Amino acid sequence: MSIIPTANSWISVKDKLPNSCETIIFCTKYKGVYIGSYSEKRQCFEHFRVTYNEDEVLCWQPLPEPPKENE
């Protein structure tokens, strides 16, 4: 089982936004890929103390499940 995201698992922010405070991977229009979360209250994506407005983020996806101990 691979934990590397696949190209077709990305969700466009135009189609759907993640649940607030859910840990996700997101890609910005500046070609950065980050682990962070979405704040519905602030309407922005957050990576530590850096925030990205909704129009700066292209797509996102949930974090994959970690590998099992025997894998």
Protein backbone atom coordinates (compact mmCIF):
# COMPACT_ATOMS: atom_id res chain seq x y z
CA MET A 1 0.00 0.00 0.00
CA SER A 2 1.46 3.32 -1.08
CA ILE A 3 0.92 6.38 1.07
CA ILE A 4 1.96 8.71 -1.75
CA PRO A 5 -1.01 10.72 -3.06
CA THR A 6 -2.02 10.10 -6.64
CA ALA A 7 -2.71 12.81 -9.20
CA ASN A 8 -6.41 11.93 -9.40
CA SER A 9 -6.93 12.16 -5.64
CA TRP A 10 -6.64 15.96 -5.63
CA ILE A 11 -9.90 17.84 -5.04
CA SER A 12 -10.31 21.26 -6.64
CA VAL A 13 -11.27 24.05 -4.23
CA LYS A 14 -13.82 25.03 -6.90
CA ASP A 15 -15.58 21.70 -6.35
CA LYS A 16 -15.37 21.29 -2.58
CA LEU A 17 -13.63 22.73 0.47
CA PRO A 18 -12.31 20.52 3.25
CA ASN A 19 -13.92 20.30 6.67
CA SER A 20 -12.72 22.99 9.03
CA CYS A 21 -9.65 21.95 11.08
CA GLU A 22 -9.21 18.68 9.12
CA THR A 23 -5.52 17.99 8.49
CA ILE A 24 -4.97 17.95 4.73
CA ILE A 25 -2.39 18.32 1.98
CA PHE A 26 -2.93 21.38 -0.22
CA CYS A 27 -1.30 22.85 -3.30
CA THR A 28 -1.00 26.59 -3.91
CA LYS A 29 -0.85 28.42 -7.21
CA TYR A 30 2.76 29.22 -6.29
CA LYS A 31 3.59 25.49 -6.78
CA GLY A 32 3.95 24.83 -3.03
CA VAL A 33 2.54 21.67 -1.45
CA TYR A 34 1.86 21.83 2.28
CA ILE A 35 0.35 19.88 5.13
CA GLY A 36 -2.09 22.07 7.02
CA SER A 37 -5.77 22.71 7.53
CA TYR A 38 -8.65 24.85 6.35
CA SER A 39 -10.32 27.42 8.60
CA GLU A 40 -13.95 27.90 7.67
CA LYS A 41 -14.25 30.76 10.15
CA ARG A 42 -11.31 32.66 8.60
CA GLN A 43 -11.92 31.28 5.08
CA CYS A 44 -8.26 30.44 4.54
CA PHE A 45 -5.86 27.53 4.41
CA GLU A 46 -3.25 27.42 7.16
CA HIS A 47 0.24 25.93 7.26
CA PHE A 48 1.72 26.55 10.70
CA ARG A 49 1.52 30.36 11.00
CA VAL A 50 1.30 31.02 7.27
CA THR A 51 -2.14 31.48 5.77
CA TYR A 52 -3.31 31.27 2.15
CA ASN A 53 -6.54 32.81 0.93
CA GLU A 54 -9.01 30.51 -0.82
CA ASP A 55 -8.07 32.00 -4.20
CA GLU A 56 -4.39 31.09 -3.65
CA VAL A 57 -5.08 27.37 -3.23
CA LEU A 58 -5.79 25.19 -6.25
CA CYS A 59 -6.60 21.81 -4.75
CA TRP A 60 -6.41 19.65 -1.64
CA GLN A 61 -6.77 16.09 -0.39
CA PRO A 62 -7.06 14.29 2.93
CA LEU A 63 -3.90 12.83 4.39
CA PRO A 64 -3.44 9.20 3.42
CA GLU A 65 -3.66 6.51 6.07
CA PRO A 66 -0.24 5.69 7.55
CA PRO A 67 1.22 2.32 6.63
CA LYS A 68 0.31 -0.65 8.77
CA GLU A 69 3.00 -2.05 11.05
CA ASN A 70 3.47 -5.15 8.88
CA GLU A 71 3.80 -3.25 5.58
